[in-house]
PDB file of N, CA and C in Angstrom:
ATOM      1  N   GLY A   1      18.586  57.182   8.138  1.00  0.00           N
ATOM      2  CA  GLY A   1      19.142  55.904   9.142  1.00  0.00           C
ATOM      3  C   GLY A   1      18.167  54.977   9.044  1.00  0.00           C
ATOM      4  N   GLY A   2      18.545  53.674   9.858  1.00  0.00           N
ATOM      5  CA  GLY A   2      18.031  52.536   9.806  1.00  0.00           C
ATOM      6  C   GLY A   2      16.201  52.706  10.267  1.00  0.00           C
ATOM      7  N   MET A   3      15.923  53.481  11.346  1.00  0.00           N
ATOM      8  CA  MET A   3      14.508  53.633  11.828  1.00  0.00           C
ATOM      9  C   MET A   3      13.828  54.767  11.504  1.00  0.00           C
ATOM     10  N   ALA A   4      14.210  55.551  10.515  1.00  0.00           N
ATOM     11  CA  ALA A   4      13.634  56.734  10.272  1.00  0.00           C
ATOM     12  C   ALA A   4      12.524  56.994   9.723  1.00  0.00           C
ATOM     13  N   THR A   5      11.885  55.943   9.120  1.00  0.00           N
ATOM     14  CA  THR A   5      10.387  55.931   8.988  1.00  0.00           C
ATOM     15  C   THR A   5       9.758  54.245   9.313  1.00  0.00           C
ATOM     16  N   VAL A   6       8.647  54.283   9.181  1.00  0.00           N
ATOM     17  CA  VAL A   6       8.214  52.807   9.743  1.00  0.00           C
ATOM     18  C   VAL A   6       8.396  51.765   8.764  1.00  0.00           C
ATOM     19  N   GLY A   7       8.221  52.548   7.274  1.00  0.00           N
ATOM     20  CA  GLY A   7       9.075  51.374   6.397  1.00  0.00           C
ATOM     21  C   GLY A   7      10.347  51.151   6.351  1.00  0.00           C
ATOM     22  N   ARG A   8      11.142  51.986   6.596  1.00  0.00           N
ATOM     23  CA  ARG A   8      12.520  51.797   6.916  1.00  0.00           C
ATOM     24  C   ARG A   8      12.789  50.743   8.142  1.00  0.00           C
ATOM     25  N   SER A   9      12.008  51.063   8.927  1.00  0.00           N
ATOM     26  CA  SER A   9      12.096  50.384  10.107  1.00  0.00           C
ATOM     27  C   SER A   9      11.672  48.715  10.258  1.00  0.00           C
ATOM     28  N   ALA A  10      10.737  48.576   9.199  1.00  0.00           N
ATOM     29  CA  ALA A  10      10.334  47.249   8.904  1.00  0.00           C
ATOM     30  C   ALA A  10      11.276  46.340   8.173  1.00  0.00           C
ATOM     31  N   LEU A  11      11.687  47.122   7.300  1.00  0.00           N
ATOM     32  CA  LEU A  11      12.976  46.647   6.313  1.00  0.00           C
ATOM     33  C   LEU A  11      14.360  46.585   7.215  1.00  0.00           C
ATOM     34  N   THR A  12      14.793  47.163   7.876  1.00  0.00           N
ATOM     35  CA  THR A  12      15.642  46.933   8.623  1.00  0.00           C
ATOM     36  C   THR A  12      15.430  45.882   9.718  1.00  0.00           C
ATOM     37  N   LEU A  13      14.196  45.907  10.520  1.00  0.00           N
ATOM     38  CA  LEU A  13      14.148  44.554  11.235  1.00  0.00           C
ATOM     39  C   LEU A  13      13.944  43.442  10.589  1.00  0.00           C
ATOM     40  N   MET A  14      13.590  43.135   9.433  1.00  0.00           N
ATOM     41  CA  MET A  14      13.439  41.871   8.579  1.00  0.00           C
ATOM     42  C   MET A  14      14.702  41.618   8.002  1.00  0.00           C
ATOM     43  N   LEU A  15      15.404  42.516   7.477  1.00  0.00           N
ATOM     44  CA  LEU A  15      16.828  42.372   7.304  1.00  0.00           C
ATOM     45  C   LEU A  15      17.736  41.665   8.436  1.00  0.00           C
ATOM     46  N   PHE A  16      17.671  42.267   9.389  1.00  0.00           N
ATOM     47  CA  PHE A  16      18.346  41.600  10.898  1.00  0.00           C
ATOM     48  C   PHE A  16      17.729  40.234  10.828  1.00  0.00           C
ATOM     49  N   LEU A  17      16.324  40.179  10.895  1.00  0.00           N
ATOM     50  CA  LEU A  17      15.955  38.721  11.202  1.00  0.00           C
ATOM     51  C   LEU A  17      16.468  37.601  10.303  1.00  0.00           C
ATOM     52  N   LEU A  18      16.731  37.999   8.989  1.00  0.00           N
ATOM     53  CA  LEU A  18      17.103  37.212   8.014  1.00  0.00           C
ATOM     54  C   LEU A  18      18.486  36.658   7.841  1.00  0.00           C
ATOM     55  N   SER A  19      19.284  38.089   8.165  1.00  0.00           N
ATOM     56  CA  SER A  19      20.617  37.497   8.189  1.00  0.00           C
ATOM     57  C   SER A  19      21.468  37.755   9.402  1.00  0.00           C
ATOM     58  N   LEU A  20      20.841  38.303  10.242  1.00  0.00           N
ATOM     59  CA  LEU A  20      21.493  38.461  11.788  1.00  0.00           C
ATOM     60  C   LEU A  20      22.935  38.683  11.772  1.00  0.00           C
ATOM     61  N   ASP A  21      23.200  39.656  10.736  1.00  0.00           N
ATOM     62  CA  ASP A  21      24.200  40.400  11.141  1.00  0.00           C
ATOM     63  C   ASP A  21      24.377  41.471  12.322  1.00  0.00           C
ATOM     64  N   SER A  22      24.578  41.204  13.331  1.00  0.00           N
ATOM     65  CA  SER A  22      24.414  42.010  14.265  1.00  0.00           C
ATOM     66  C   SER A  22      25.265  43.446  14.192  1.00  0.00           C
ATOM     67  N   THR A  23      26.484  43.234  13.511  1.00  0.00           N
ATOM     68  CA  THR A  23      27.472  44.530  13.307  1.00  0.00           C
ATOM     69  C   THR A  23      26.706  45.557  12.600  1.00  0.00           C
ATOM     70  N   GLN A  24      26.037  45.150  11.359  1.00  0.00           N
ATOM     71  CA  GLN A  24      25.555  46.513  10.850  1.00  0.00           C
ATOM     72  C   GLN A  24      24.397  47.120  11.603  1.00  0.00           C
ATOM     73  N   PHE A  25      23.435  46.231  11.947  1.00  0.00           N
ATOM     74  CA  PHE A  25      22.350  46.652  12.714  1.00  0.00           C
ATOM     75  C   PHE A  25      22.483  47.586  14.189  1.00  0.00           C
ATOM     76  N   TYR A  26      23.441  46.921  14.604  1.00  0.00           N
ATOM     77  CA  TYR A  26      23.891  47.357  15.980  1.00  0.00           C
ATOM     78  C   TYR A  26      24.638  48.914  15.755  1.00  0.00           C
ATOM     79  N   ALA A  27      25.402  49.053  14.623  1.00  0.00           N
ATOM     80  CA  ALA A  27      26.395  50.069  14.594  1.00  0.00           C
ATOM     81  C   ALA A  27      25.223  51.266  14.047  1.00  0.00           C
ATOM     82  N   SER A  28      24.323  50.973  13.245  1.00  0.00           N
ATOM     83  CA  SER A  28      23.391  51.743  13.028  1.00  0.00           C
ATOM     84  C   SER A  28      22.200  52.193  14.079  1.00  0.00           C
ATOM     85  N   MET A  29      22.128  51.321  14.976  1.00  0.00           N
ATOM     86  CA  MET A  29      20.826  51.636  15.750  1.00  0.00           C
ATOM     87  C   MET A  29      21.324  51.926  17.501  1.00  0.00           C
ATOM     88  N   SER A  30      22.760  51.702  17.583  1.00  0.00           N
ATOM     89  CA  SER A  30      23.147  51.618  19.338  1.00  0.00           C
ATOM     90  C   SER A  30      23.020  53.143  19.548  1.00  0.00           C
ATOM     91  N   HIS A  31      22.937  53.934  18.690  1.00  0.00           N
ATOM     92  CA  HIS A  31      22.586  55.468  19.345  1.00  0.00           C
ATOM     93  C   HIS A  31      21.339  55.922  19.438  1.00  0.00           C
ATOM     94  N   ALA A  32      20.398  55.159  18.933  1.00  0.00           N
ATOM     95  CA  ALA A  32      18.896  55.537  18.644  1.00  0.00           C
ATOM     96  C   ALA A  32      18.283  55.770  20.355  1.00  0.00           C
ATOM     97  N   GLY A  33      18.930  54.986  21.094  1.00  0.00           N
ATOM     98  CA  GLY A  33      18.463  55.180  22.485  1.00  0.00           C
ATOM     99  C   GLY A  33      19.166  54.478  23.571  1.00  0.00           C
ATOM    100  N   GLN A  34      18.744  54.667  24.931  1.00  0.00           N
ATOM    101  CA  GLN A  34      19.622  53.939  25.804  1.00  0.00           C
ATOM    102  C   GLN A  34      20.113  52.580  25.634  1.00  0.00           C
ATOM    103  N   GLY A  35      20.869  51.852  26.402  1.00  0.00           N
ATOM    104  CA  GLY A  35      21.106  50.677  26.090  1.00  0.00           C
ATOM    105  C   GLY A  35      20.403  49.397  26.302  1.00  0.00           C
ATOM    106  N   TYR A  36      19.634  49.787  27.482  1.00  0.00           N
ATOM    107  CA  TYR A  36      18.544  48.668  27.850  1.00  0.00           C
ATOM    108  C   TYR A  36      17.370  48.877  27.085  1.00  0.00           C
ATOM    109  N   ALA A  37      16.843  49.767  26.492  1.00  0.00           N
ATOM    110  CA  ALA A  37      15.769  50.105  25.777  1.00  0.00           C
ATOM    111  C   ALA A  37      15.993  49.362  24.340  1.00  0.00           C
ATOM    112  N   PHE A  38      17.460  49.880  23.916  1.00  0.00           N
ATOM    113  CA  PHE A  38      17.652  49.140  22.651  1.00  0.00           C
ATOM    114  C   PHE A  38      17.588  47.455  22.654  1.00  0.00           C
ATOM    115  N   HIS A  39      18.186  47.003  23.484  1.00  0.00           N
ATOM    116  CA  HIS A  39      18.097  45.620  23.722  1.00  0.00           C
ATOM    117  C   HIS A  39      16.964  44.895  23.915  1.00  0.00           C
ATOM    118  N   LEU A  40      16.102  45.991  24.667  1.00  0.00           N
ATOM    119  CA  LEU A  40      14.886  45.321  24.993  1.00  0.00           C
ATOM    120  C   LEU A  40      13.938  45.286  23.883  1.00  0.00           C
ATOM    121  N   PHE A  41      13.991  46.416  22.887  1.00  0.00           N
ATOM    122  CA  PHE A  41      13.105  46.162  21.533  1.00  0.00           C
ATOM    123  C   PHE A  41      13.875  45.244  20.822  1.00  0.00           C
ATOM    124  N   LEU A  42      14.737  45.179  20.690  1.00  0.00           N
ATOM    125  CA  LEU A  42      15.572  44.213  19.460  1.00  0.00           C
ATOM    126  C   LEU A  42      15.195  42.605  20.248  1.00  0.00           C
ATOM    127  N   TRP A  43      15.461  42.569  21.433  1.00  0.00           N
ATOM    128  CA  TRP A  43      15.243  41.039  21.900  1.00  0.00           C
ATOM    129  C   TRP A  43      13.835  40.670  21.739  1.00  0.00           C
ATOM    130  N   SER A  44      13.027  41.649  22.202  1.00  0.00           N
ATOM    131  CA  SER A  44      11.234  41.169  22.257  1.00  0.00           C
ATOM    132  C   SER A  44      11.128  41.208  20.535  1.00  0.00           C
ATOM    133  N   PHE A  45      11.639  41.934  19.665  1.00  0.00           N
ATOM    134  CA  PHE A  45      11.209  41.624  18.146  1.00  0.00           C
ATOM    135  C   PHE A  45      11.626  40.626  18.049  1.00  0.00           C
ATOM    136  N   LEU A  46      12.692  39.988  18.045  1.00  0.00           N
ATOM    137  CA  LEU A  46      13.364  38.559  17.749  1.00  0.00           C
ATOM    138  C   LEU A  46      12.359  37.476  18.371  1.00  0.00           C
ATOM    139  N   VAL A  47      12.331  37.540  19.571  1.00  0.00           N
ATOM    140  CA  VAL A  47      11.445  36.354  20.390  1.00  0.00           C
ATOM    141  C   VAL A  47      10.226  36.588  19.651  1.00  0.00           C
ATOM    142  N   ILE A  48       9.314  37.465  19.477  1.00  0.00           N
ATOM    143  CA  ILE A  48       8.093  37.590  19.222  1.00  0.00           C
ATOM    144  C   ILE A  48       7.762  37.051  17.651  1.00  0.00           C
ATOM    145  N   THR A  49       8.613  37.610  16.854  1.00  0.00           N
ATOM    146  CA  THR A  49       8.558  36.788  15.523  1.00  0.00           C
ATOM    147  C   THR A  49       9.223  35.402  15.337  1.00  0.00           C
ATOM    148  N   PHE A  50      10.105  35.178  16.124  1.00  0.00           N
ATOM    149  CA  PHE A  50      10.345  33.696  16.258  1.00  0.00           C
ATOM    150  C   PHE A  50       9.029  32.983  16.550  1.00  0.00           C
ATOM    151  N   PHE A  51       8.130  33.310  17.803  1.00  0.00           N
ATOM    152  CA  PHE A  51       7.074  32.536  18.133  1.00  0.00           C
ATOM    153  C   PHE A  51       6.192  32.450  16.790  1.00  0.00           C
ATOM    154  N   ILE A  52       5.989  33.579  16.451  1.00  0.00           N
ATOM    155  CA  ILE A  52       4.852  33.730  15.218  1.00  0.00           C
ATOM    156  C   ILE A  52       5.524  32.568  13.996  1.00  0.00           C
ATOM    157  N   LEU A  53       6.679  32.693  13.917  1.00  0.00           N
ATOM    158  CA  LEU A  53       7.022  32.082  12.672  1.00  0.00           C
ATOM    159  C   LEU A  53       6.967  30.513  12.932  1.00  0.00           C
ATOM    160  N   LEU A  54       7.157  30.363  14.286  1.00  0.00           N
ATOM    161  CA  LEU A  54       7.072  28.847  14.965  1.00  0.00           C
ATOM    162  C   LEU A  54       5.536  28.267  15.058  1.00  0.00           C
ATOM    163  N   ASN A  55       4.694  29.269  15.147  1.00  0.00           N
ATOM    164  CA  ASN A  55       3.359  28.977  15.305  1.00  0.00           C
ATOM    165  C   ASN A  55       2.985  28.802  13.851  1.00  0.00           C
ATOM    166  N   ILE A  56       3.269  29.620  12.678  1.00  0.00           N
ATOM    167  CA  ILE A  56       2.713  29.117  11.504  1.00  0.00           C
ATOM    168  C   ILE A  56       3.574  28.121  10.671  1.00  0.00           C
ATOM    169  N   PHE A  57       4.681  27.647  10.993  1.00  0.00           N
ATOM    170  CA  PHE A  57       5.172  26.138  10.955  1.00  0.00           C
ATOM    171  C   PHE A  57       4.478  25.268  11.525  1.00  0.00           C
ATOM    172  N   LEU A  58       4.227  25.298  12.725  1.00  0.00           N
ATOM    173  CA  LEU A  58       3.336  24.150  13.522  1.00  0.00           C
ATOM    174  C   LEU A  58       1.852  24.204  13.102  1.00  0.00           C
ATOM    175  N   ALA A  59       1.523  25.177  12.722  1.00  0.00           N
ATOM    176  CA  ALA A  59      -0.074  25.259  11.764  1.00  0.00           C
ATOM    177  C   ALA A  59       0.152  24.369  10.627  1.00  0.00           C
ATOM    178  N   ILE A  60       1.042  24.821   9.808  1.00  0.00           N
ATOM    179  CA  ILE A  60       1.181  23.780   8.588  1.00  0.00           C
ATOM    180  C   ILE A  60       1.426  22.415   8.604  1.00  0.00           C
ATOM    181  N   LEU A  61       2.251  21.919   9.882  1.00  0.00           N
ATOM    182  CA  LEU A  61       2.488  20.524  10.340  1.00  0.00           C
ATOM    183  C   LEU A  61       1.061  19.593  10.713  1.00  0.00           C
ATOM    184  N   VAL A  62       0.533  20.555  11.488  1.00  0.00           N
ATOM    185  CA  VAL A  62      -0.592  19.988  11.901  1.00  0.00           C
ATOM    186  C   VAL A  62      -1.748  19.929  10.954  1.00  0.00           C
ATOM    187  N   ASP A  63      -1.822  20.824  10.124  1.00  0.00           N
ATOM    188  CA  ASP A  63      -2.847  20.777   9.271  1.00  0.00           C
ATOM    189  C   ASP A  63      -2.541  19.490   7.950  1.00  0.00           C
ATOM    190  N   ALA A  64      -1.150  19.328   7.746  1.00  0.00           N
ATOM    191  CA  ALA A  64      -0.879  18.046   6.905  1.00  0.00           C
ATOM    192  C   ALA A  64      -0.938  17.058   7.680  1.00  0.00           C
ATOM    193  N   TYR A  65      -0.805  17.041   8.834  1.00  0.00           N
ATOM    194  CA  TYR A  65      -1.115  15.485   9.837  1.00  0.00           C
ATOM    195  C   TYR A  65      -2.425  14.874   9.779  1.00  0.00           C
ATOM    196  N   ALA A  66      -3.194  16.283   9.590  1.00  0.00           N
ATOM    197  CA  ALA A  66      -4.929  15.908   9.934  1.00  0.00           C
ATOM    198  C   ALA A  66      -5.303  15.618   8.404  1.00  0.00           C
ATOM    199  N   ASN A  67      -4.603  15.862   7.334  1.00  0.00           N
ATOM    200  CA  ASN A  67      -4.919  15.603   6.241  1.00  0.00           C
ATOM    201  C   ASN A  67      -4.661  14.248   6.050  1.00  0.00           C
ATOM    202  N   VAL A  68      -3.468  14.048   6.394  1.00  0.00           N
ATOM    203  CA  VAL A  68      -3.042  12.456   6.240  1.00  0.00           C
ATOM    204  C   VAL A  68      -3.713  11.365   7.154  1.00  0.00           C
ATOM    205  N   LYS A  69      -4.201  11.736   8.220  1.00  0.00           N
ATOM    206  CA  LYS A  69      -4.857  10.852   9.187  1.00  0.00           C
ATOM    207  C   LYS A  69      -6.499  10.726   8.627  1.00  0.00           C
ATOM    208  N   ARG A  70      -6.889  11.940   8.055  1.00  0.00           N
ATOM    209  CA  ARG A  70      -8.296  11.660   7.675  1.00  0.00           C
ATOM    210  C   ARG A  70      -8.112  10.771   6.213  1.00  0.00           C
ATOM    211  N   GLU A  71      -7.160  10.663   5.405  1.00  0.00           N
ATOM    212  CA  GLU A  71      -6.936  10.103   4.400  1.00  0.00           C
ATOM    213  C   GLU A  71      -6.625   8.426   4.849  1.00  0.00           C
ATOM    214  N   THR A  72      -6.093   8.435   5.629  1.00  0.00           N
ATOM    215  CA  THR A  72      -5.658   6.846   6.075  1.00  0.00           C
ATOM    216  C   THR A  72      -6.795   6.638   7.207  1.00  0.00           C
ATOM    217  N   GLU A  73      -7.907   6.960   7.396  1.00  0.00           N
ATOM    218  CA  GLU A  73      -8.575   6.372   8.659  1.00  0.00           C
ATOM    219  C   GLU A  73      -8.779   5.002   8.674  1.00  0.00           C
ATOM    220  N   ASP A  74      -9.189   4.539   7.422  1.00  0.00           N
ATOM    221  CA  ASP A  74      -9.731   2.741   7.155  1.00  0.00           C
ATOM    222  C   ASP A  74      -8.592   1.966   6.973  1.00  0.00           C
ATOM    223  N   ALA A  75      -7.357   2.579   6.900  1.00  0.00           N
ATOM    224  CA  ALA A  75      -6.433   1.837   6.707  1.00  0.00           C
ATOM    225  C   ALA A  75      -5.826   0.893   8.037  1.00  0.00           C
ATOM    226  N   LEU A  76      -5.276  -0.258   7.800  1.00  0.00           N
ATOM    227  CA  LEU A  76      -4.949  -1.197   8.745  1.00  0.00           C
ATOM    228  C   LEU A  76      -3.758  -0.581   9.491  1.00  0.00           C
ATOM    229  N   GLY A  77      -3.512  -0.962  10.796  1.00  0.00           N
ATOM    230  CA  GLY A  77      -2.553  -0.479  11.871  1.00  0.00           C
ATOM    231  C   GLY A  77      -1.298  -1.890  11.529  1.00  0.00           C
ATOM    232  N   LEU A  78      -0.199  -1.192  12.122  1.00  0.00           N
ATOM    233  CA  LEU A  78       1.036  -1.875  12.092  1.00  0.00           C
ATOM    234  C   LEU A  78       0.581  -3.429  12.607  1.00  0.00           C
ATOM    235  N   PRO A  79      -0.050  -3.431  13.633  1.00  0.00           N
ATOM    236  CA  PRO A  79      -0.055  -4.843  14.174  1.00  0.00           C
ATOM    237  C   PRO A  79      -0.901  -5.764  13.162  1.00  0.00           C
ATOM    238  N   GLU A  80      -2.202  -5.283  12.766  1.00  0.00           N
ATOM    239  CA  GLU A  80      -3.157  -6.046  11.749  1.00  0.00           C
ATOM    240  C   GLU A  80      -2.021  -6.387  10.488  1.00  0.00           C
ATOM    241  N   GLU A  81      -1.262  -5.348  10.052  1.00  0.00           N
ATOM    242  CA  GLU A  81      -0.605  -5.664   8.779  1.00  0.00           C
ATOM    243  C   GLU A  81       0.563  -6.992   9.153  1.00  0.00           C
ATOM    244  N   LEU A  82       1.548  -6.766  10.423  1.00  0.00           N
ATOM    245  CA  LEU A  82       2.101  -7.823  10.596  1.00  0.00           C
ATOM    246  C   LEU A  82       1.240  -9.305  10.949  1.00  0.00           C
ATOM    247  N   ALA A  83       0.116  -8.990  11.187  1.00  0.00           N
ATOM    248  CA  ALA A  83      -0.417 -10.496  11.461  1.00  0.00           C
ATOM    249  C   ALA A  83      -0.868 -11.074  10.213  1.00  0.00           C
ATOM    250  N   MET A  84      -1.445 -10.227   9.323  1.00  0.00           N
ATOM    251  CA  MET A  84      -1.874 -10.718   8.006  1.00  0.00           C
ATOM    252  C   MET A  84      -0.352 -11.426   7.399  1.00  0.00           C
ATOM    253  N   VAL A  85       0.636 -10.458   7.429  1.00  0.00           N
ATOM    254  CA  VAL A  85       1.964 -11.088   6.675  1.00  0.00           C
ATOM    255  C   VAL A  85       2.313 -12.367   7.462  1.00  0.00           C
ATOM    256  N   THR A  86       2.280 -12.347   8.594  1.00  0.00           N
ATOM    257  CA  THR A  86       2.765 -13.925   9.268  1.00  0.00           C
ATOM    258  C   THR A  86       1.507 -15.169   9.107  1.00  0.00           C
ATOM    259  N   ILE A  87       0.309 -14.615   8.896  1.00  0.00           N
ATOM    260  CA  ILE A  87      -0.825 -15.498   8.450  1.00  0.00           C
ATOM    261  C   ILE A  87      -0.277 -16.197   7.182  1.00  0.00           C
ATOM    262  N   HIS A  88      -0.053 -15.343   6.372  1.00  0.00           N
ATOM    263  CA  HIS A  88       0.187 -15.325   4.982  1.00  0.00           C
ATOM    264  C   HIS A  88       1.520 -16.268   4.789  1.00  0.00           C
ATOM    265  N   SER A  89       2.701 -16.051   5.396  1.00  0.00           N
ATOM    266  CA  SER A  89       3.819 -16.780   5.376  1.00  0.00           C
ATOM    267  C   SER A  89       3.578 -18.310   6.196  1.00  0.00           C
ATOM    268  N   VAL A  90       2.756 -18.053   7.189  1.00  0.00           N
ATOM    269  CA  VAL A  90       2.415 -19.910   7.529  1.00  0.00           C
ATOM    270  C   VAL A  90       1.647 -20.711   6.888  1.00  0.00           C
ATOM    271  N   LYS A  91       0.625 -20.080   5.891  1.00  0.00           N
ATOM    272  CA  LYS A  91      -0.188 -20.668   4.902  1.00  0.00           C
ATOM    273  C   LYS A  91       0.746 -20.966   3.720  1.00  0.00           C
ATOM    274  N   SER A  92       1.486 -20.275   3.642  1.00  0.00           N
ATOM    275  CA  SER A  92       2.542 -20.439   2.015  1.00  0.00           C
ATOM    276  C   SER A  92       3.307 -21.867   2.422  1.00  0.00           C
ATOM    277  N   VAL A  93       3.782 -21.940   3.568  1.00  0.00           N
ATOM    278  CA  VAL A  93       4.819 -23.016   4.124  1.00  0.00           C
ATOM    279  C   VAL A  93       4.041 -24.423   4.705  1.00  0.00           C
ATOM    280  N   PHE A  94       2.852 -24.304   5.265  1.00  0.00           N
ATOM    281  CA  PHE A  94       2.235 -25.631   5.726  1.00  0.00           C
ATOM    282  C   PHE A  94       0.741 -25.909   5.050  1.00  0.00           C
ATOM    283  N   TRP A  95       0.293 -25.154   4.180  1.00  0.00           N
ATOM    284  CA  TRP A  95      -1.134 -25.711   3.705  1.00  0.00           C
ATOM    285  C   TRP A  95      -0.461 -26.380   2.281  1.00  0.00           C
ATOM    286  N   PRO A  96      -1.285 -27.075   1.648  1.00  0.00           N
ATOM    287  CA  PRO A  96      -0.997 -27.927   0.617  1.00  0.00           C
ATOM    288  C   PRO A  96      -0.831 -26.867  -0.708  1.00  0.00           C
ATOM    289  N   LYS A  97      -0.076 -26.837  -1.579  1.00  0.00           N
ATOM    290  CA  LYS A  97      -0.170 -26.144  -3.072  1.00  0.00           C
ATOM    291  C   LYS A  97      -1.641 -25.816  -3.431  1.00  0.00           C
ATOM    292  N   LYS A  98      -2.634 -26.869  -3.329  1.00  0.00           N
ATOM    293  CA  LYS A  98      -3.777 -26.509  -4.129  1.00  0.00           C
ATOM    294  C   LYS A  98      -4.721 -25.785  -3.250  1.00  0.00           C
ATOM    295  N   TRP A  99      -4.315 -25.819  -2.136  1.00  0.00           N
ATOM    296  CA  TRP A  99      -5.447 -24.876  -1.348  1.00  0.00           C
ATOM    297  C   TRP A  99      -4.955 -23.359  -1.039  1.00  0.00           C
ATOM    298  N   PHE A 100      -3.600 -23.397  -1.278  1.00  0.00           N
ATOM    299  CA  PHE A 100      -3.165 -21.660  -1.293  1.00  0.00           C
ATOM    300  C   PHE A 100      -2.694 -21.327  -2.324  1.00  0.00           C
ATOM    301  N   VAL A 101      -3.356 -19.990  -2.786  1.00  0.00           N
ATOM    302  CA  VAL A 101      -3.266 -19.219  -3.595  1.00  0.00           C
ATOM    303  C   VAL A 101      -2.495 -17.823  -3.255  1.00  0.00           C
ATOM    304  N   SER A 102      -1.266 -17.550  -3.632  1.00  0.00           N
ATOM    305  CA  SER A 102      -0.505 -16.304  -3.139  1.00  0.00           C
ATOM    306  C   SER A 102      -1.199 -15.188  -3.820  1.00  0.00           C
ATOM    307  N   ASP A 103      -1.198 -13.732  -2.948  1.00  0.00           N
ATOM    308  CA  ASP A 103      -1.487 -12.668  -3.575  1.00  0.00           C
ATOM    309  C   ASP A 103      -0.983 -12.095  -4.957  1.00  0.00           C
ATOM    310  N   GLN A 104       0.369 -12.930  -5.411  1.00  0.00           N
ATOM    311  CA  GLN A 104       0.944 -12.245  -6.559  1.00  0.00           C
ATOM    312  C   GLN A 104       0.410 -13.282  -7.688  1.00  0.00           C
ATOM    313  N   GLU A 105      -0.044 -14.660  -7.455  1.00  0.00           N
ATOM    314  CA  GLU A 105      -0.716 -15.408  -8.315  1.00  0.00           C
ATOM    315  C   GLU A 105      -2.173 -14.473  -8.806  1.00  0.00           C
ATOM    316  N   LEU A 106      -2.687 -14.192  -7.554  1.00  0.00           N
ATOM    317  CA  LEU A 106      -4.467 -13.596  -7.791  1.00  0.00           C
ATOM    318  C   LEU A 106      -4.082 -12.282  -8.604  1.00  0.00           C
ATOM    319  N   LEU A 107      -2.905 -11.482  -8.487  1.00  0.00           N
ATOM    320  CA  LEU A 107      -2.815 -10.298  -9.120  1.00  0.00           C
ATOM    321  C   LEU A 107      -2.753 -10.457 -10.732  1.00  0.00           C
ATOM    322  N   THR A 108      -2.090 -11.707 -11.162  1.00  0.00           N
ATOM    323  CA  THR A 108      -1.476 -11.696 -12.760  1.00  0.00           C
ATOM    324  C   THR A 108      -2.905 -12.542 -13.099  1.00  0.00           C
TER     325      THR A 108
END
């Protein structure tokens, strides 16, 4: 059966979790106990496993976010970047050409 040993139980539950083919699982396990006990066990397994996997996923996201935040700590924010672009545009239009040097000219 699907739950004869602890190893087969773990394998059966993982297959059910990954495939969600309730027909195979339910047919082999419906006789294992009373209806409410089987459903209580199955749904508690699914909910607990879902939250464990969600927790792992969130831990990966938070770790990646912390790394990016640490690497961009000294970077300018959006308002500062917009202000610099606006000032650059105004200077390029209104300043005499001999006073204004564009960033592209400086880099070449």
